[in-house]
Amino acid sequence: MNKLSNIIIGFTGIIIVLIYGQSILIPFVFALLLWFTIRIFTSISEKIPVYGKIVPNIIKKIISTLVVFSVLFIVTQILLNSFNNIIKSHHDYDENISELIMTINNYFNVDIHAYVKTQTSEINIGLIAEKLFDAISNIISSTLMILLFAVFIFIEEVYFSKKMNQMFSSSNEKLKKINSTLFEIEWSVARYLGIKTLISLLTGFLSYVVFLLFKLDFAIFWAFLIFLLNFIPTIGSLLATVFPGIFCLLQFGDFSISLSMFFIVGFIQVFIGNFLEPKWLGNSMNISPLFSIISLVFWGMLWGTTGMVISVPITVVILIILSQFESTKSIAILLSEKGEIRQKNE
C-alpha cells in the first residue's frame, strides 16, 4: 500500500510539473528535436564523398544548422504570407458562402444567417485582438526560448561524453548500458523524425498536385498545412483532409467539386498512412497501437496540439527508459507492440 501511495504521489507530481512547467518544458523538447534534426543532417552530410572527408565536424554542424534554420524561415514566411492573403481575400468568397447558406437553409429548414448574425453581434473585437496579440507574443517568446535552449544543448554536447566517462569511470558496465540507452533513444527518434518528414513531404507534394489540378486557391499553403498536420498521429491526417475540403467548398460553392477533391486527397492519406508508412517505419517504434492512442490523448490534454505532435517521440523515449530497469521492464513489455523489447545497437 505504501508503494502504491508513492507511485500515485509521484505520478501526480509529474502531472503538475508537466502542466505548470509547460512554458519551459515545451520549448526545451522542441530544442531537443531541433538538435536531433541538425544531427541527422550532419550525419547525412558526412556520407557526401568529398565534403564528408575534407570539411571539419564543427563546420559541418554549422552548415547543417544554417540549412535547417533557412528551411524553417522560408517555410514560416510562406505560411504567414499565405495565411495573410487568405484573410485579405475572404470577401472574394462571400457570394459562394451566401449561396451555400441558402442551400443549407432550404434543405434543412434552418435559418443559419440569423444565427450567425446573432453570434457575431456578441463578438468583442477588442478581446479578440488582445488574445491574438497574446498568441503572437507567446509564439515569439517560445521561439526565442527554443533557440536559447538549442544553443546550450550544442554547448553541452561538446563536454557530455567527457562528463559521462568521469562519472562512471569506476564502472564500465554502467557506462556501456547508459551509452547503449542513449544510442537507442537517438536512433529511434532520429529514424521516426526522418521517415515521418519524408512521408509528410510526399503526402504534401501529392496533395499539392491535386490542389493545382482542381485550381484551389493558396494551394501551397494547404499543402504545407497537410505536411505539418501529418506529424499528429491518427487525427492529423483527417484534419489535413477536412480543412482544404471546406475551403474548396467555400471557393467554388459546389459540393461535388469539394467532395471529389476531399476523396482524392483522403485516398492519398489512407494509402500512404496505411501502406507506405508502416512499410517504411516497420515496427521500429515498437509501441502498442492502443498505448499510442492513449498517449496522443494524454499529451493532447496536457499540452494541446503541441503535445499531439511530440507524443510519439516522447512515448518512444519513455518506453526505452522503462525497458532498461528490471523493476519497470514488465511495464515496457506491456506497452510494446508485440511484447518484445529489442536493443538497436547495430
Protein backbone atom coordinates (compact mmCIF):
# COMPACT_ATOMS: atom_id res chain seq x y z
CA MET A 1 0.00 0.00 0.00
CA ASN A 2 2.87 2.32 0.84
CA LYS A 3 4.46 1.59 -2.55
CA LEU A 4 1.16 2.30 -4.34
CA SER A 5 0.81 5.60 -2.46
CA ASN A 6 4.32 6.63 -3.51
CA ILE A 7 3.52 5.81 -7.14
CA ILE A 8 0.29 7.84 -7.04
CA ILE A 9 2.00 10.79 -5.36
CA GLY A 10 4.92 10.64 -7.80
CA PHE A 11 2.63 10.43 -10.84
CA THR A 12 0.52 13.34 -9.55
CA GLY A 13 3.67 15.40 -9.01
CA ILE A 14 4.83 14.69 -12.56
CA ILE A 15 1.45 15.75 -13.99
CA ILE A 16 1.54 19.01 -12.01
CA VAL A 17 5.07 19.76 -13.24
CA LEU A 18 4.08 18.98 -16.85
CA ILE A 19 1.04 21.28 -16.66
CA TYR A 20 2.53 24.25 -14.83
CA GLY A 21 6.00 23.91 -16.33
CA GLN A 22 4.91 23.63 -19.96
CA SER A 23 6.08 27.16 -20.79
CA ILE A 24 9.65 25.91 -20.17
CA LEU A 25 9.31 22.20 -20.97
CA ILE A 26 7.73 22.60 -24.44
CA PRO A 27 10.49 24.89 -25.79
CA PHE A 28 13.09 22.53 -24.28
CA VAL A 29 11.54 19.49 -26.00
CA PHE A 30 11.41 21.34 -29.33
CA ALA A 31 15.03 22.39 -28.84
CA LEU A 32 15.95 18.72 -28.38
CA LEU A 33 14.05 17.81 -31.56
CA LEU A 34 15.85 20.64 -33.37
CA TRP A 35 19.15 19.28 -32.07
CA PHE A 36 18.20 15.79 -33.32
CA THR A 37 17.31 17.21 -36.74
CA ILE A 38 20.64 19.02 -37.07
CA ARG A 39 22.49 15.86 -36.00
CA ILE A 40 20.63 13.92 -38.71
CA PHE A 41 21.60 16.48 -41.35
CA THR A 42 25.20 16.38 -40.15
CA SER A 43 25.27 12.56 -40.30
CA ILE A 44 23.84 12.59 -43.83
CA SER A 45 26.36 15.22 -44.95
CA GLU A 46 29.24 13.01 -43.73
CA LYS A 47 28.34 10.49 -46.44
CA ILE A 48 28.98 13.03 -49.23
CA PRO A 49 32.30 11.84 -50.79
CA VAL A 50 34.49 14.96 -50.79
CA TYR A 51 32.54 17.11 -48.34
CA GLY A 52 32.42 14.39 -45.66
CA LYS A 53 36.20 13.85 -45.60
CA ILE A 54 37.59 17.36 -46.03
CA VAL A 55 35.20 19.60 -44.04
CA PRO A 56 35.78 19.59 -40.23
CA ASN A 57 32.94 18.35 -38.00
CA ILE A 58 32.33 21.76 -36.41
CA ILE A 59 31.90 23.34 -39.88
CA LYS A 60 29.50 20.54 -40.86
CA LYS A 61 27.37 21.26 -37.80
CA ILE A 62 27.35 24.99 -38.54
CA ILE A 63 26.35 24.39 -42.17
CA SER A 64 23.66 21.88 -41.14
CA THR A 65 22.33 24.40 -38.60
CA LEU A 66 22.18 27.15 -41.23
CA VAL A 67 20.38 24.82 -43.66
CA VAL A 68 17.78 23.76 -41.06
CA PHE A 69 17.14 27.35 -39.91
CA SER A 70 16.94 28.59 -43.51
CA VAL A 71 14.33 25.94 -44.35
CA LEU A 72 12.34 26.78 -41.20
CA PHE A 73 12.50 30.51 -42.00
CA ILE A 74 11.35 30.01 -45.61
CA VAL A 75 8.50 27.70 -44.58
CA THR A 76 7.37 30.14 -41.87
CA GLN A 77 7.37 33.05 -44.33
CA ILE A 78 5.35 31.08 -46.89
CA LEU A 79 2.79 30.05 -44.27
CA LEU A 80 2.44 33.57 -42.82
CA ASN A 81 2.15 35.22 -46.24
CA SER A 82 -0.39 32.66 -47.44
CA PHE A 83 -2.42 32.97 -44.25
CA ASN A 84 -2.37 36.76 -44.55
CA ASN A 85 -3.55 36.54 -48.18
CA ILE A 86 -6.38 34.19 -47.19
CA ILE A 87 -7.57 36.70 -44.58
CA LYS A 88 -7.40 39.60 -47.06
CA SER A 89 -9.28 37.73 -49.77
CA HIS A 90 -12.12 36.33 -47.68
CA HIS A 91 -14.61 38.76 -49.30
CA ASP A 92 -13.97 37.03 -52.65
CA TYR A 93 -15.96 34.06 -51.38
CA ASP A 94 -18.89 35.96 -49.87
CA GLU A 95 -21.21 35.13 -52.78
CA ASN A 96 -20.44 31.41 -52.60
CA ILE A 97 -20.86 31.44 -48.83
CA SER A 98 -24.27 33.13 -49.18
CA GLU A 99 -25.38 30.55 -51.76
CA LEU A 100 -24.23 27.70 -49.53
CA ILE A 101 -26.12 29.15 -46.57
CA MET A 102 -29.26 29.45 -48.70
CA THR A 103 -28.87 25.84 -49.87
CA ILE A 104 -28.45 24.56 -46.30
CA ASN A 105 -31.36 26.74 -45.10
CA ASN A 106 -33.68 25.30 -47.76
CA TYR A 107 -32.51 21.71 -47.31
CA PHE A 108 -32.53 21.52 -43.50
CA ASN A 109 -35.16 24.23 -42.92
CA VAL A 110 -32.95 26.26 -40.55
CA ASP A 111 -32.01 29.93 -40.52
CA ILE A 112 -28.18 29.87 -40.34
CA HIS A 113 -27.91 33.51 -41.43
CA ALA A 114 -29.92 34.74 -38.42
CA TYR A 115 -27.90 32.54 -36.05
CA VAL A 116 -24.57 33.78 -37.42
CA LYS A 117 -25.79 37.39 -37.24
CA THR A 118 -26.80 36.91 -33.58
CA GLN A 119 -23.46 35.35 -32.69
CA THR A 120 -21.36 37.99 -34.50
CA SER A 121 -23.19 40.79 -32.69
CA GLU A 122 -21.91 39.36 -29.41
CA ILE A 123 -18.26 39.21 -30.51
CA ASN A 124 -15.89 41.52 -28.63
CA ILE A 125 -13.36 42.77 -31.21
CA GLY A 126 -11.09 44.19 -28.52
CA LEU A 127 -10.97 40.85 -26.70
CA ILE A 128 -10.14 39.00 -29.95
CA ALA A 129 -7.35 41.48 -30.74
CA GLU A 130 -5.97 41.07 -27.21
CA LYS A 131 -5.96 37.27 -27.49
CA LEU A 132 -4.35 37.44 -30.94
CA PHE A 133 -1.62 39.72 -29.59
CA ASP A 134 -1.03 37.34 -26.66
CA ALA A 135 -0.81 34.38 -29.04
CA ILE A 136 1.75 36.16 -31.25
CA SER A 137 3.77 37.19 -28.18
CA ASN A 138 3.76 33.59 -26.91
CA ILE A 139 4.97 32.29 -30.29
CA ILE A 140 7.82 34.83 -30.38
CA SER A 141 8.87 34.14 -26.79
CA SER A 142 8.68 30.37 -27.35
CA THR A 143 10.83 30.67 -30.49
CA LEU A 144 13.48 32.64 -28.60
CA MET A 145 13.47 30.09 -25.76
CA ILE A 146 13.81 27.20 -28.25
CA LEU A 147 16.82 28.88 -29.86
CA LEU A 148 18.34 29.62 -26.45
CA PHE A 149 17.89 26.02 -25.27
CA ALA A 150 19.26 24.70 -28.58
CA VAL A 151 22.43 26.80 -28.23
CA PHE A 152 23.09 25.47 -24.71
CA ILE A 153 22.36 21.89 -25.80
CA PHE A 154 25.04 22.22 -28.50
CA ILE A 155 27.46 23.67 -25.97
CA GLU A 156 26.71 20.83 -23.53
CA GLU A 157 27.19 18.23 -26.28
CA VAL A 158 30.89 19.10 -26.53
CA TYR A 159 31.64 18.03 -22.94
CA PHE A 160 28.86 15.48 -22.38
CA SER A 161 30.91 12.37 -23.28
CA LYS A 162 33.79 13.53 -21.08
CA LYS A 163 31.41 14.05 -18.13
CA MET A 164 29.88 10.60 -18.59
CA ASN A 165 33.30 8.94 -18.67
CA GLN A 166 34.32 10.67 -15.45
CA MET A 167 31.02 9.93 -13.68
CA PHE A 168 31.20 6.20 -14.40
CA SER A 169 34.96 5.71 -14.57
CA SER A 170 34.71 3.01 -11.89
CA SER A 171 32.00 1.02 -13.70
CA ASN A 172 32.40 0.31 -17.39
CA GLU A 173 29.27 -1.84 -17.33
CA LYS A 174 27.06 1.07 -16.27
CA LEU A 175 28.71 3.37 -18.79
CA LYS A 176 28.08 0.89 -21.61
CA LYS A 177 24.45 0.49 -20.55
CA ILE A 178 23.85 4.26 -20.45
CA ASN A 179 25.57 4.78 -23.80
CA SER A 180 23.51 1.93 -25.25
CA THR A 181 20.29 3.50 -23.95
CA LEU A 182 21.20 6.94 -25.30
CA PHE A 183 22.11 5.40 -28.65
CA GLU A 184 18.78 3.57 -28.83
CA ILE A 185 16.85 6.76 -27.98
CA GLU A 186 18.76 8.75 -30.59
CA TRP A 187 18.35 6.00 -33.21
CA SER A 188 14.60 5.60 -32.63
CA VAL A 189 13.77 9.32 -32.50
CA ALA A 190 16.03 10.17 -35.46
CA ARG A 191 14.52 7.34 -37.52
CA TYR A 192 10.98 8.41 -36.66
CA LEU A 193 11.61 12.09 -37.43
CA GLY A 194 13.43 11.31 -40.67
CA ILE A 195 10.86 8.88 -42.07
CA LYS A 196 7.89 10.91 -40.83
CA THR A 197 9.31 14.02 -42.52
CA LEU A 198 9.76 12.15 -45.82
CA ILE A 199 6.25 10.71 -45.60
CA SER A 200 4.74 14.12 -44.77
CA LEU A 201 6.67 15.73 -47.64
CA LEU A 202 5.40 13.09 -50.07
CA THR A 203 1.82 13.48 -48.83
CA GLY A 204 2.04 17.28 -49.04
CA PHE A 205 3.53 17.18 -52.56
CA LEU A 206 0.91 14.76 -53.96
CA SER A 207 -1.86 16.81 -52.32
CA TYR A 208 -0.34 19.97 -53.84
CA VAL A 209 -0.58 18.38 -57.31
CA VAL A 210 -4.26 17.59 -56.65
CA PHE A 211 -4.91 21.16 -55.48
CA LEU A 212 -3.32 22.52 -58.67
CA LEU A 213 -5.49 20.22 -60.82
CA PHE A 214 -8.60 21.48 -59.02
CA LYS A 215 -7.26 25.09 -59.23
CA LEU A 216 -7.64 25.55 -55.48
CA ASP A 217 -6.53 28.96 -54.23
CA PHE A 218 -3.47 29.08 -51.95
CA ALA A 219 -2.56 25.50 -52.88
CA ILE A 220 0.93 25.74 -51.40
CA PHE A 221 -0.49 26.85 -48.03
CA TRP A 222 -2.84 23.86 -47.83
CA ALA A 223 -0.02 21.52 -48.90
CA PHE A 224 2.21 22.87 -46.11
CA LEU A 225 -0.67 22.54 -43.66
CA ILE A 226 -1.04 18.87 -44.65
CA PHE A 227 2.72 18.42 -44.19
CA LEU A 228 2.57 19.87 -40.65
CA LEU A 229 -0.64 18.13 -39.53
CA ASN A 230 0.69 14.73 -40.63
CA PHE A 231 3.06 14.85 -37.64
CA ILE A 232 -0.03 14.47 -35.41
CA PRO A 233 -0.77 10.71 -35.25
CA THR A 234 -4.18 9.40 -36.35
CA ILE A 235 -6.30 12.59 -36.28
CA GLY A 236 -3.75 14.81 -38.03
CA SER A 237 -4.31 13.25 -41.45
CA LEU A 238 -8.09 13.60 -41.01
CA LEU A 239 -7.85 17.30 -40.16
CA ALA A 240 -5.37 17.80 -43.03
CA THR A 241 -8.02 16.46 -45.42
CA VAL A 242 -11.02 18.29 -43.96
CA PHE A 243 -9.61 21.86 -43.97
CA PRO A 244 -8.79 22.06 -47.72
CA GLY A 245 -12.11 20.34 -48.47
CA ILE A 246 -14.04 23.02 -46.58
CA PHE A 247 -12.08 25.80 -48.27
CA CYS A 248 -12.74 24.19 -51.68
CA LEU A 249 -16.45 24.28 -50.88
CA LEU A 250 -16.23 27.98 -49.98
CA GLN A 251 -14.22 28.80 -53.11
CA PHE A 252 -16.36 27.02 -55.70
CA GLY A 253 -19.67 26.77 -53.85
CA ASP A 254 -20.11 23.28 -55.30
CA PHE A 255 -20.47 20.16 -53.16
CA SER A 256 -19.48 17.79 -55.99
CA ILE A 257 -16.12 19.52 -56.61
CA SER A 258 -15.37 19.71 -52.89
CA LEU A 259 -16.25 16.06 -52.27
CA SER A 260 -14.21 14.91 -55.29
CA MET A 261 -11.11 16.72 -54.04
CA PHE A 262 -11.77 15.54 -50.48
CA PHE A 263 -11.92 11.86 -51.51
CA ILE A 264 -8.82 12.08 -53.74
CA VAL A 265 -6.73 13.75 -51.00
CA GLY A 266 -8.25 11.33 -48.48
CA PHE A 267 -7.21 8.38 -50.66
CA ILE A 268 -3.63 9.72 -50.72
CA GLN A 269 -3.67 9.99 -46.92
CA VAL A 270 -5.10 6.48 -46.46
CA PHE A 271 -2.72 4.85 -48.95
CA ILE A 272 0.42 6.49 -47.54
CA GLY A 273 -0.69 6.20 -43.90
CA ASN A 274 -1.82 2.56 -44.04
CA PHE A 275 0.52 1.03 -46.62
CA LEU A 276 3.61 3.12 -47.25
CA GLU A 277 4.28 4.48 -43.74
CA PRO A 278 4.08 1.06 -41.98
CA LYS A 279 6.40 -0.40 -44.64
CA TRP A 280 9.00 2.35 -44.12
CA LEU A 281 8.75 2.55 -40.35
CA GLY A 282 8.16 -1.16 -39.86
CA ASN A 283 7.82 -1.98 -36.17
CA SER A 284 10.82 0.18 -35.20
CA MET A 285 8.68 2.36 -32.93
CA ASN A 286 7.56 -0.78 -31.05
CA ILE A 287 4.56 0.97 -29.47
CA SER A 288 1.21 -0.71 -28.85
CA PRO A 289 -1.49 0.91 -31.07
CA LEU A 290 -3.76 1.28 -28.03
CA PHE A 291 -0.99 2.89 -25.99
CA SER A 292 -0.21 5.16 -28.95
CA ILE A 293 -3.78 6.48 -28.96
CA ILE A 294 -3.82 6.86 -25.17
CA SER A 295 -0.51 8.72 -25.36
CA LEU A 296 -1.91 11.01 -28.07
CA VAL A 297 -4.94 11.87 -25.92
CA PHE A 298 -2.83 12.26 -22.76
CA TRP A 299 -0.26 14.64 -24.25
CA GLY A 300 -3.00 16.45 -26.16
CA MET A 301 -4.85 17.14 -22.90
CA LEU A 302 -1.66 18.33 -21.22
CA TRP A 303 -0.03 20.41 -23.98
CA GLY A 304 -2.71 20.77 -26.67
CA THR A 305 -1.69 20.49 -30.33
CA THR A 306 1.99 20.68 -29.39
CA GLY A 307 1.58 17.63 -27.17
CA MET A 308 -0.06 15.70 -30.01
CA VAL A 309 2.83 16.48 -32.37
CA ILE A 310 5.53 15.27 -29.97
CA SER A 311 3.52 12.43 -28.36
CA VAL A 312 5.22 9.66 -30.37
CA PRO A 313 8.86 10.74 -29.78
CA ILE A 314 8.18 11.23 -26.06
CA THR A 315 6.42 7.86 -25.81
CA VAL A 316 9.31 6.12 -27.58
CA VAL A 317 11.81 7.65 -25.13
CA ILE A 318 9.69 6.64 -22.11
CA LEU A 319 9.33 3.07 -23.41
CA ILE A 320 13.09 2.72 -23.97
CA ILE A 321 13.91 4.06 -20.50
CA LEU A 322 11.37 1.71 -18.84
CA SER A 323 12.91 -1.26 -20.66
CA GLN A 324 16.34 -0.60 -19.10
CA PHE A 325 15.30 -1.36 -15.50
CA GLU A 326 14.20 -4.74 -14.16
CA SER A 327 11.53 -3.12 -11.96
CA THR A 328 9.83 -1.41 -14.93
CA LYS A 329 10.68 -3.82 -17.78
CA SER A 330 7.32 -5.58 -17.39
CA ILE A 331 5.55 -2.24 -18.00
CA ALA A 332 7.66 -1.67 -21.12
CA ILE A 333 6.73 -5.16 -22.40
CA LEU A 334 3.03 -4.46 -21.75
CA LEU A 335 3.19 -1.14 -23.65
CA SER A 336 5.25 -2.52 -26.55
CA GLU A 337 3.71 -3.59 -29.85
CA LYS A 338 4.32 -7.35 -29.69
CA GLY A 339 5.67 -7.82 -26.19
CA GLU A 340 9.29 -7.70 -27.33
CA ILE A 341 11.99 -5.35 -26.05
CA ARG A 342 14.83 -5.03 -28.52
CA GLN A 343 18.14 -3.21 -28.44
CA LYS A 344 19.11 -1.32 -31.58
CA ASN A 345 22.82 -1.29 -31.25
CA GLU A 346 23.64 -2.01 -34.85
